[in-house]
Amino acid sequence: GSSTTDTSSSLTVVQVDNQGFLDMTVYAERSSQRIRLGIA
């Protein structure tokens, strides 16, 4: 897929295609660090 909001080549984007009914809170984890990305 492509991101329409990606205006910078260094911007990393997660495109979530949530086909389920429930909203999802999405996090990214690196080692023991977890950061909330937003709601899908």
PDB file of all heavy atoms in Angstrom:
ATOM      1  N   GLY A   1       0.848  -1.172   0.000  1.00  0.00           N
ATOM      2  CA  GLY A   1       0.000   0.000   0.000  1.00  0.00           C
ATOM      3  C   GLY A   1       0.886   1.224   0.000  1.00  0.00           C
ATOM      4  O   GLY A   1       2.084   1.130   0.180  1.00  0.00           O
ATOM      5  N   SER A   2       0.288   2.365  -0.174  1.00  0.00           N
ATOM      6  CA  SER A   2       1.072   3.588  -0.141  1.00  0.00           C
ATOM      7  C   SER A   2       0.436   4.561   0.820  1.00  0.00           C
ATOM      8  O   SER A   2      -0.758   4.551   1.033  1.00  0.00           O
ATOM      9  CB  SER A   2       1.161   4.201  -1.536  1.00  0.00           C
ATOM     10  OG  SER A   2      -0.127   4.547  -1.973  1.00  0.00           O
ATOM     11  N   SER A   3       1.259   5.372   1.387  1.00  0.00           N
ATOM     12  CA  SER A   3       0.786   6.362   2.337  1.00  0.00           C
ATOM     13  C   SER A   3       0.618   7.696   1.630  1.00  0.00           C
ATOM     14  O   SER A   3       1.520   8.164   0.951  1.00  0.00           O
ATOM     15  CB  SER A   3       1.799   6.494   3.473  1.00  0.00           C
ATOM     16  OG  SER A   3       1.471   7.588   4.261  1.00  0.00           O
ATOM     17  N   THR A   4      -0.539   8.308   1.806  1.00  0.00           N
ATOM     18  CA  THR A   4      -0.764   9.606   1.183  1.00  0.00           C
ATOM     19  C   THR A   4      -0.233  10.738   2.049  1.00  0.00           C
ATOM     20  O   THR A   4      -0.085  11.848   1.579  1.00  0.00           O
ATOM     21  CB  THR A   4      -2.263   9.830   0.936  1.00  0.00           C
ATOM     22  OG1 THR A   4      -2.943   9.707   2.175  1.00  0.00           O
ATOM     23  CG2 THR A   4      -2.803   8.813  -0.054  1.00  0.00           C
ATOM     24  N   THR A   5       0.078  10.444   3.339  1.00  0.00           N
ATOM     25  CA  THR A   5       0.561  11.489   4.230  1.00  0.00           C
ATOM     26  C   THR A   5       2.073  11.506   4.324  1.00  0.00           C
ATOM     27  O   THR A   5       2.626  12.343   5.004  1.00  0.00           O
ATOM     28  CB  THR A   5      -0.011  11.303   5.648  1.00  0.00           C
ATOM     29  OG1 THR A   5       0.409  10.040   6.137  1.00  0.00           O
ATOM     30  CG2 THR A   5      -1.521  11.392   5.637  1.00  0.00           C
ATOM     31  N   ASP A   6       2.782  10.599   3.651  1.00  0.00           N
ATOM     32  CA  ASP A   6       4.228  10.524   3.742  1.00  0.00           C
ATOM     33  C   ASP A   6       4.862  11.565   2.825  1.00  0.00           C
ATOM     34  O   ASP A   6       4.925  11.387   1.626  1.00  0.00           O
ATOM     35  CB  ASP A   6       4.698   9.121   3.375  1.00  0.00           C
ATOM     36  CG  ASP A   6       6.180   8.915   3.636  1.00  0.00           C
ATOM     37  OD1 ASP A   6       6.830   9.825   4.181  1.00  0.00           O
ATOM     38  OD2 ASP A   6       6.678   7.868   3.281  1.00  0.00           O
ATOM     39  N   THR A   7       5.317  12.660   3.402  1.00  0.00           N
ATOM     40  CA  THR A   7       5.915  13.722   2.616  1.00  0.00           C
ATOM     41  C   THR A   7       7.422  13.734   2.752  1.00  0.00           C
ATOM     42  O   THR A   7       8.102  14.453   2.048  1.00  0.00           O
ATOM     43  CB  THR A   7       5.358  15.092   3.055  1.00  0.00           C
ATOM     44  OG1 THR A   7       5.614  15.261   4.441  1.00  0.00           O
ATOM     45  CG2 THR A   7       3.869  15.171   2.793  1.00  0.00           C
ATOM     46  N   SER A   8       7.972  12.946   3.657  1.00  0.00           N
ATOM     47  CA  SER A   8       9.412  12.897   3.874  1.00  0.00           C
ATOM     48  C   SER A   8       9.899  11.486   3.635  1.00  0.00           C
ATOM     49  O   SER A   8       9.252  10.519   4.016  1.00  0.00           O
ATOM     50  CB  SER A   8       9.709  13.326   5.311  1.00  0.00           C
ATOM     51  OG  SER A   8      11.044  13.043   5.621  1.00  0.00           O
ATOM     52  N   SER A   9      11.062  11.356   3.020  1.00  0.00           N
ATOM     53  CA  SER A   9      11.584  10.024   2.724  1.00  0.00           C
ATOM     54  C   SER A   9      12.050   9.315   3.989  1.00  0.00           C
ATOM     55  O   SER A   9      12.235   8.112   3.979  1.00  0.00           O
ATOM     56  CB  SER A   9      12.721  10.127   1.718  1.00  0.00           C
ATOM     57  OG  SER A   9      13.778  10.881   2.278  1.00  0.00           O
ATOM     58  N   SER A  10      12.263  10.029   5.089  1.00  0.00           N
ATOM     59  CA  SER A  10      12.713   9.391   6.313  1.00  0.00           C
ATOM     60  C   SER A  10      11.566   9.093   7.287  1.00  0.00           C
ATOM     61  O   SER A  10      11.789   8.583   8.364  1.00  0.00           O
ATOM     62  CB  SER A  10      13.758  10.257   7.008  1.00  0.00           C
ATOM     63  OG  SER A  10      13.176  11.475   7.402  1.00  0.00           O
ATOM     64  N   LEU A  11      10.327   9.414   6.896  1.00  0.00           N
ATOM     65  CA  LEU A  11       9.175   9.173   7.738  1.00  0.00           C
ATOM     66  C   LEU A  11       8.752   7.708   7.628  1.00  0.00           C
ATOM     67  O   LEU A  11       8.501   7.216   6.542  1.00  0.00           O
ATOM     68  CB  LEU A  11       8.030  10.088   7.324  1.00  0.00           C
ATOM     69  CG  LEU A  11       6.767  10.060   8.176  1.00  0.00           C
ATOM     70  CD1 LEU A  11       7.067  10.529   9.592  1.00  0.00           C
ATOM     71  CD2 LEU A  11       5.725  10.951   7.562  1.00  0.00           C
ATOM     72  N   THR A  12       8.710   7.003   8.747  1.00  0.00           N
ATOM     73  CA  THR A  12       8.301   5.605   8.769  1.00  0.00           C
ATOM     74  C   THR A  12       6.832   5.541   9.140  1.00  0.00           C
ATOM     75  O   THR A  12       6.411   6.125  10.125  1.00  0.00           O
ATOM     76  CB  THR A  12       9.154   4.808   9.778  1.00  0.00           C
ATOM     77  OG1 THR A  12      10.529   5.005   9.459  1.00  0.00           O
ATOM     78  CG2 THR A  12       8.831   3.338   9.727  1.00  0.00           C
ATOM     79  N   VAL A  13       6.047   4.810   8.331  1.00  0.00           N
ATOM     80  CA  VAL A  13       4.600   4.786   8.478  1.00  0.00           C
ATOM     81  C   VAL A  13       4.116   3.350   8.642  1.00  0.00           C
ATOM     82  O   VAL A  13       4.633   2.435   7.992  1.00  0.00           O
ATOM     83  CB  VAL A  13       3.922   5.417   7.234  1.00  0.00           C
ATOM     84  CG1 VAL A  13       2.409   5.299   7.308  1.00  0.00           C
ATOM     85  CG2 VAL A  13       4.326   6.866   7.086  1.00  0.00           C
ATOM     86  N   VAL A  14       3.130   3.163   9.527  1.00  0.00           N
ATOM     87  CA  VAL A  14       2.421   1.893   9.640  1.00  0.00           C
ATOM     88  C   VAL A  14       1.026   2.140   9.100  1.00  0.00           C
ATOM     89  O   VAL A  14       0.289   2.967   9.631  1.00  0.00           O
ATOM     90  CB  VAL A  14       2.349   1.396  11.097  1.00  0.00           C
ATOM     91  CG1 VAL A  14       1.573   0.100  11.180  1.00  0.00           C
ATOM     92  CG2 VAL A  14       3.735   1.224  11.671  1.00  0.00           C
ATOM     93  N   GLN A  15       0.671   1.441   8.028  1.00  0.00           N
ATOM     94  CA  GLN A  15      -0.672   1.548   7.468  1.00  0.00           C
ATOM     95  C   GLN A  15      -1.461   0.354   7.991  1.00  0.00           C
ATOM     96  O   GLN A  15      -1.150  -0.790   7.673  1.00  0.00           O
ATOM     97  CB  GLN A  15      -0.646   1.540   5.941  1.00  0.00           C
ATOM     98  CG  GLN A  15      -2.025   1.719   5.344  1.00  0.00           C
ATOM     99  CD  GLN A  15      -1.999   1.615   3.836  1.00  0.00           C
ATOM    100  OE1 GLN A  15      -1.497   0.658   3.302  1.00  0.00           O
ATOM    101  NE2 GLN A  15      -2.545   2.619   3.181  1.00  0.00           N
ATOM    102  N   VAL A  16      -2.456   0.608   8.829  1.00  0.00           N
ATOM    103  CA  VAL A  16      -3.251  -0.441   9.448  1.00  0.00           C
ATOM    104  C   VAL A  16      -4.551  -0.597   8.671  1.00  0.00           C
ATOM    105  O   VAL A  16      -5.319   0.353   8.552  1.00  0.00           O
ATOM    106  CB  VAL A  16      -3.551  -0.123  10.936  1.00  0.00           C
ATOM    107  CG1 VAL A  16      -4.326  -1.261  11.578  1.00  0.00           C
ATOM    108  CG2 VAL A  16      -2.264   0.150  11.699  1.00  0.00           C
ATOM    109  N   ASP A  17      -4.768  -1.796   8.144  1.00  0.00           N
ATOM    110  CA  ASP A  17      -6.016  -2.139   7.457  1.00  0.00           C
ATOM    111  C   ASP A  17      -6.817  -2.994   8.432  1.00  0.00           C
ATOM    112  O   ASP A  17      -6.679  -4.211   8.462  1.00  0.00           O
ATOM    113  CB  ASP A  17      -5.721  -2.888   6.157  1.00  0.00           C
ATOM    114  CG  ASP A  17      -6.987  -3.233   5.385  1.00  0.00           C
ATOM    115  OD1 ASP A  17      -8.080  -2.767   5.765  1.00  0.00           O
ATOM    116  OD2 ASP A  17      -6.871  -3.985   4.394  1.00  0.00           O
ATOM    117  N   ASN A  18      -7.622  -2.331   9.263  1.00  0.00           N
ATOM    118  CA  ASN A  18      -8.394  -3.023  10.294  1.00  0.00           C
ATOM    119  C   ASN A  18      -9.725  -3.471   9.695  1.00  0.00           C
ATOM    120  O   ASN A  18     -10.636  -2.677   9.522  1.00  0.00           O
ATOM    121  CB  ASN A  18      -8.613  -2.106  11.500  1.00  0.00           C
ATOM    122  CG  ASN A  18      -9.260  -2.829  12.662  1.00  0.00           C
ATOM    123  OD1 ASN A  18      -9.603  -3.995  12.576  1.00  0.00           O
ATOM    124  ND2 ASN A  18      -9.424  -2.118  13.761  1.00  0.00           N
ATOM    125  N   GLN A  19      -9.825  -4.755   9.376  1.00  0.00           N
ATOM    126  CA  GLN A  19     -11.037  -5.300   8.786  1.00  0.00           C
ATOM    127  C   GLN A  19     -12.008  -5.803   9.847  1.00  0.00           C
ATOM    128  O   GLN A  19     -13.103  -6.235   9.528  1.00  0.00           O
ATOM    129  CB  GLN A  19     -10.679  -6.430   7.819  1.00  0.00           C
ATOM    130  CG  GLN A  19      -9.814  -5.953   6.683  1.00  0.00           C
ATOM    131  CD  GLN A  19      -9.314  -7.085   5.817  1.00  0.00           C
ATOM    132  OE1 GLN A  19      -9.505  -8.258   6.123  1.00  0.00           O
ATOM    133  NE2 GLN A  19      -8.658  -6.740   4.723  1.00  0.00           N
ATOM    134  N   GLY A  20     -11.579  -5.766  11.098  1.00  0.00           N
ATOM    135  CA  GLY A  20     -12.428  -6.210  12.198  1.00  0.00           C
ATOM    136  C   GLY A  20     -13.362  -5.118  12.672  1.00  0.00           C
ATOM    137  O   GLY A  20     -13.270  -3.952  12.280  1.00  0.00           O
ATOM    138  N   PHE A  21     -14.273  -5.485  13.561  1.00  0.00           N
ATOM    139  CA  PHE A  21     -15.259  -4.551  14.090  1.00  0.00           C
ATOM    140  C   PHE A  21     -14.677  -3.656  15.188  1.00  0.00           C
ATOM    141  O   PHE A  21     -14.991  -2.473  15.273  1.00  0.00           O
ATOM    142  CB  PHE A  21     -16.458  -5.331  14.631  1.00  0.00           C
ATOM    143  CG  PHE A  21     -17.501  -4.465  15.262  1.00  0.00           C
ATOM    144  CD1 PHE A  21     -18.312  -3.650  14.481  1.00  0.00           C
ATOM    145  CD2 PHE A  21     -17.669  -4.437  16.636  1.00  0.00           C
ATOM    146  CE1 PHE A  21     -19.270  -2.832  15.061  1.00  0.00           C
ATOM    147  CE2 PHE A  21     -18.620  -3.631  17.229  1.00  0.00           C
ATOM    148  CZ  PHE A  21     -19.426  -2.827  16.438  1.00  0.00           C
ATOM    149  N   LEU A  22     -13.800  -4.235  16.032  1.00  0.00           N
ATOM    150  CA  LEU A  22     -13.272  -3.495  17.175  1.00  0.00           C
ATOM    151  C   LEU A  22     -12.184  -2.509  16.766  1.00  0.00           C
ATOM    152  O   LEU A  22     -11.359  -2.795  15.900  1.00  0.00           O
ATOM    153  CB  LEU A  22     -12.684  -4.464  18.206  1.00  0.00           C
ATOM    154  CG  LEU A  22     -13.660  -5.414  18.883  1.00  0.00           C
ATOM    155  CD1 LEU A  22     -12.904  -6.374  19.788  1.00  0.00           C
ATOM    156  CD2 LEU A  22     -14.695  -4.645  19.669  1.00  0.00           C
ATOM    157  N   ASP A  23     -12.184  -1.337  17.409  1.00  0.00           N
ATOM    158  CA  ASP A  23     -11.080  -0.394  17.255  1.00  0.00           C
ATOM    159  C   ASP A  23      -9.859  -0.985  17.953  1.00  0.00           C
ATOM    160  O   ASP A  23      -9.988  -1.702  18.946  1.00  0.00           O
ATOM    161  CB  ASP A  23     -11.420   0.953  17.885  1.00  0.00           C
ATOM    162  CG  ASP A  23     -12.571   1.660  17.186  1.00  0.00           C
ATOM    163  OD1 ASP A  23     -12.933   1.257  16.064  1.00  0.00           O
ATOM    164  OD2 ASP A  23     -13.105   2.619  17.773  1.00  0.00           O
ATOM    165  N   MET A  24      -8.668  -0.680  17.441  1.00  0.00           N
ATOM    166  CA  MET A  24      -7.429  -1.220  17.997  1.00  0.00           C
ATOM    167  C   MET A  24      -6.487  -0.087  18.371  1.00  0.00           C
ATOM    168  O   MET A  24      -6.298   0.854  17.597  1.00  0.00           O
ATOM    169  CB  MET A  24      -6.710  -2.096  16.970  1.00  0.00           C
ATOM    170  CG  MET A  24      -7.484  -3.284  16.501  1.00  0.00           C
ATOM    171  SD  MET A  24      -7.338  -4.592  17.710  1.00  0.00           S
ATOM    172  CE  MET A  24      -8.193  -5.893  16.844  1.00  0.00           C
ATOM    173  N   THR A  25      -5.894  -0.187  19.559  1.00  0.00           N
ATOM    174  CA  THR A  25      -4.802   0.697  19.922  1.00  0.00           C
ATOM    175  C   THR A  25      -3.532   0.016  19.436  1.00  0.00           C
ATOM    176  O   THR A  25      -3.278  -1.141  19.775  1.00  0.00           O
ATOM    177  CB  THR A  25      -4.738   0.923  21.442  1.00  0.00           C
ATOM    178  OG1 THR A  25      -5.994   1.441  21.887  1.00  0.00           O
ATOM    179  CG2 THR A  25      -3.639   1.901  21.806  1.00  0.00           C
ATOM    180  N   VAL A  26      -2.738   0.713  18.631  1.00  0.00           N
ATOM    181  CA  VAL A  26      -1.553   0.123  18.012  1.00  0.00           C
ATOM    182  C   VAL A  26      -0.303   0.685  18.679  1.00  0.00           C
ATOM    183  O   VAL A  26      -0.172   1.898  18.871  1.00  0.00           O
ATOM    184  CB  VAL A  26      -1.525   0.403  16.493  1.00  0.00           C
ATOM    185  CG1 VAL A  26      -0.295  -0.210  15.849  1.00  0.00           C
ATOM    186  CG2 VAL A  26      -2.795  -0.138  15.839  1.00  0.00           C
ATOM    187  N   TYR A  27       0.617  -0.217  19.030  1.00  0.00           N
ATOM    188  CA  TYR A  27       1.886   0.133  19.658  1.00  0.00           C
ATOM    189  C   TYR A  27       3.025  -0.400  18.806  1.00  0.00           C
ATOM    190  O   TYR A  27       2.868  -1.395  18.104  1.00  0.00           O
ATOM    191  CB  TYR A  27       2.014  -0.502  21.047  1.00  0.00           C
ATOM    192  CG  TYR A  27       0.937  -0.108  22.025  1.00  0.00           C
ATOM    193  CD1 TYR A  27      -0.236  -0.840  22.125  1.00  0.00           C
ATOM    194  CD2 TYR A  27       1.106   0.984  22.867  1.00  0.00           C
ATOM    195  CE1 TYR A  27      -1.222  -0.488  23.029  1.00  0.00           C
ATOM    196  CE2 TYR A  27       0.124   1.339  23.772  1.00  0.00           C
ATOM    197  CZ  TYR A  27      -1.030   0.594  23.852  1.00  0.00           C
ATOM    198  OH  TYR A  27      -2.011   0.946  24.750  1.00  0.00           O
ATOM    199  N   ALA A  28       4.196   0.237  18.900  1.00  0.00           N
ATOM    200  CA  ALA A  28       5.429  -0.280  18.325  1.00  0.00           C
ATOM    201  C   ALA A  28       6.352  -0.602  19.499  1.00  0.00           C
ATOM    202  O   ALA A  28       6.444   0.175  20.451  1.00  0.00           O
ATOM    203  CB  ALA A  28       6.079   0.731  17.401  1.00  0.00           C
ATOM    204  N   GLU A  29       7.028  -1.766  19.420  1.00  0.00           N
ATOM    205  CA  GLU A  29       7.941  -2.187  20.484  1.00  0.00           C
ATOM    206  C   GLU A  29       9.338  -2.386  19.922  1.00  0.00           C
ATOM    207  O   GLU A  29       9.511  -2.979  18.856  1.00  0.00           O
ATOM    208  CB  GLU A  29       7.491  -3.516  21.095  1.00  0.00           C
ATOM    209  CG  GLU A  29       6.329  -3.429  22.009  1.00  0.00           C
ATOM    210  CD  GLU A  29       6.039  -4.760  22.693  1.00  0.00           C
ATOM    211  OE1 GLU A  29       6.621  -5.788  22.304  1.00  0.00           O
ATOM    212  OE2 GLU A  29       5.219  -4.760  23.608  1.00  0.00           O
ATOM    213  N   ARG A  30      10.301  -1.903  20.669  1.00  0.00           N
ATOM    214  CA  ARG A  30      11.717  -2.130  20.353  1.00  0.00           C
ATOM    215  C   ARG A  30      12.398  -2.472  21.657  1.00  0.00           C
ATOM    216  O   ARG A  30      12.408  -1.653  22.582  1.00  0.00           O
ATOM    217  CB  ARG A  30      12.330  -0.882  19.745  1.00  0.00           C
ATOM    218  CG  ARG A  30      13.780  -1.022  19.451  1.00  0.00           C
ATOM    219  CD  ARG A  30      14.308   0.236  18.810  1.00  0.00           C
ATOM    220  NE  ARG A  30      15.687   0.399  19.228  1.00  0.00           N
ATOM    221  CZ  ARG A  30      16.379   1.474  19.049  1.00  0.00           C
ATOM    222  NH1 ARG A  30      15.834   2.517  18.475  1.00  0.00           N
ATOM    223  NH2 ARG A  30      17.611   1.540  19.445  1.00  0.00           N
ATOM    224  N   SER A  31      12.965  -3.672  21.748  1.00  0.00           N
ATOM    225  CA  SER A  31      13.521  -4.182  23.001  1.00  0.00           C
ATOM    226  C   SER A  31      12.431  -4.128  24.064  1.00  0.00           C
ATOM    227  O   SER A  31      11.386  -4.699  23.892  1.00  0.00           O
ATOM    228  CB  SER A  31      14.765  -3.409  23.413  1.00  0.00           C
ATOM    229  OG  SER A  31      15.736  -3.461  22.402  1.00  0.00           O
ATOM    230  N   SER A  32      12.648  -3.392  25.131  1.00  0.00           N
ATOM    231  CA  SER A  32      11.631  -3.291  26.186  1.00  0.00           C
ATOM    232  C   SER A  32      10.855  -1.981  26.097  1.00  0.00           C
ATOM    233  O   SER A  32      10.045  -1.680  26.968  1.00  0.00           O
ATOM    234  CB  SER A  32      12.297  -3.403  27.553  1.00  0.00           C
ATOM    235  OG  SER A  32      13.204  -2.328  27.713  1.00  0.00           O
ATOM    236  N   GLN A  33      11.089  -1.213  25.047  1.00  0.00           N
ATOM    237  CA  GLN A  33      10.436   0.087  24.888  1.00  0.00           C
ATOM    238  C   GLN A  33       9.167  -0.068  24.043  1.00  0.00           C
ATOM    239  O   GLN A  33       9.199  -0.611  22.950  1.00  0.00           O
ATOM    240  CB  GLN A  33      11.403   1.053  24.206  1.00  0.00           C
ATOM    241  CG  GLN A  33      10.911   2.457  24.102  1.00  0.00           C
ATOM    242  CD  GLN A  33      11.959   3.357  23.453  1.00  0.00           C
ATOM    243  OE1 GLN A  33      12.866   2.898  22.794  1.00  0.00           O
ATOM    244  NE2 GLN A  33      11.800   4.655  23.657  1.00  0.00           N
ATOM    245  N   ARG A  34       8.045   0.397  24.575  1.00  0.00           N
ATOM    246  CA  ARG A  34       6.761   0.340  23.863  1.00  0.00           C
ATOM    247  C   ARG A  34       6.205   1.745  23.752  1.00  0.00           C
ATOM    248  O   ARG A  34       6.071   2.458  24.739  1.00  0.00           O
ATOM    249  CB  ARG A  34       5.774  -0.534  24.625  1.00  0.00           C
ATOM    250  CG  ARG A  34       4.398  -0.591  23.979  1.00  0.00           C
ATOM    251  CD  ARG A  34       3.409  -1.301  24.857  1.00  0.00           C
ATOM    252  NE  ARG A  34       3.244  -2.657  24.401  1.00  0.00           N
ATOM    253  CZ  ARG A  34       2.280  -3.461  24.816  1.00  0.00           C
ATOM    254  NH1 ARG A  34       1.423  -3.057  25.733  1.00  0.00           N
ATOM    255  NH2 ARG A  34       2.188  -4.677  24.357  1.00  0.00           N
ATOM    256  N   ILE A  35       5.857   2.132  22.511  1.00  0.00           N
ATOM    257  CA  ILE A  35       5.318   3.469  22.266  1.00  0.00           C
ATOM    258  C   ILE A  35       3.988   3.339  21.539  1.00  0.00           C
ATOM    259  O   ILE A  35       3.874   2.613  20.554  1.00  0.00           O
ATOM    260  CB  ILE A  35       6.301   4.329  21.449  1.00  0.00           C
ATOM    261  CG1 ILE A  35       7.541   4.596  22.288  1.00  0.00           C
ATOM    262  CG2 ILE A  35       5.648   5.625  21.001  1.00  0.00           C
ATOM    263  CD1 ILE A  35       8.539   5.526  21.669  1.00  0.00           C
ATOM    264  N   ARG A  36       2.997   4.065  22.037  1.00  0.00           N
ATOM    265  CA  ARG A  36       1.664   4.061  21.422  1.00  0.00           C
ATOM    266  C   ARG A  36       1.712   4.868  20.138  1.00  0.00           C
ATOM    267  O   ARG A  36       2.146   6.023  20.117  1.00  0.00           O
ATOM    268  CB  ARG A  36       0.660   4.681  22.388  1.00  0.00           C
ATOM    269  CG  ARG A  36      -0.759   4.700  21.875  1.00  0.00           C
ATOM    270  CD  ARG A  36      -1.667   5.354  22.927  1.00  0.00           C
ATOM    271  NE  ARG A  36      -3.025   5.421  22.474  1.00  0.00           N
ATOM    272  CZ  ARG A  36      -3.532   6.414  21.750  1.00  0.00           C
ATOM    273  NH1 ARG A  36      -2.769   7.435  21.409  1.00  0.00           N
ATOM    274  NH2 ARG A  36      -4.788   6.399  21.374  1.00  0.00           N
ATOM    275  N   LEU A  37       1.255   4.254  19.045  1.00  0.00           N
ATOM    276  CA  LEU A  37       1.234   4.938  17.753  1.00  0.00           C
ATOM    277  C   LEU A  37      -0.099   5.626  17.508  1.00  0.00           C
ATOM    278  O   LEU A  37      -0.157   6.663  16.859  1.00  0.00           O
ATOM    279  CB  LEU A  37       1.516   3.952  16.622  1.00  0.00           C
ATOM    280  CG  LEU A  37       2.846   3.211  16.683  1.00  0.00           C
ATOM    281  CD1 LEU A  37       2.973   2.267  15.499  1.00  0.00           C
ATOM    282  CD2 LEU A  37       4.008   4.185  16.734  1.00  0.00           C
ATOM    283  N   GLY A  38      -1.187   5.033  18.006  1.00  0.00           N
ATOM    284  CA  GLY A  38      -2.500   5.630  17.813  1.00  0.00           C
ATOM    285  C   GLY A  38      -3.581   4.578  17.760  1.00  0.00           C
ATOM    286  O   GLY A  38      -3.358   3.420  18.102  1.00  0.00           O
ATOM    287  N   ILE A  39      -4.761   4.977  17.319  1.00  0.00           N
ATOM    288  CA  ILE A  39      -5.918   4.079  17.260  1.00  0.00           C
ATOM    289  C   ILE A  39      -6.280   3.829  15.805  1.00  0.00           C
ATOM    290  O   ILE A  39      -6.367   4.759  15.002  1.00  0.00           O
ATOM    291  CB  ILE A  39      -7.119   4.680  18.016  1.00  0.00           C
ATOM    292  CG1 ILE A  39      -6.801   4.751  19.507  1.00  0.00           C
ATOM    293  CG2 ILE A  39      -8.388   3.876  17.768  1.00  0.00           C
ATOM    294  CD1 ILE A  39      -7.878   5.368  20.350  1.00  0.00           C
ATOM    295  N   ALA A  40      -6.480   2.549  15.488  1.00  0.00           N
ATOM    296  CA  ALA A  40      -6.956   2.147  14.168  1.00  0.00           C
ATOM    297  C   ALA A  40      -8.429   1.782  14.322  1.00  0.00           C
ATOM    298  O   ALA A  40      -8.764   0.803  14.990  1.00  0.00           O
ATOM    299  CB  ALA A  40      -6.150   0.964  13.649  1.00  0.00           C
TER     300      ALA A  40
END
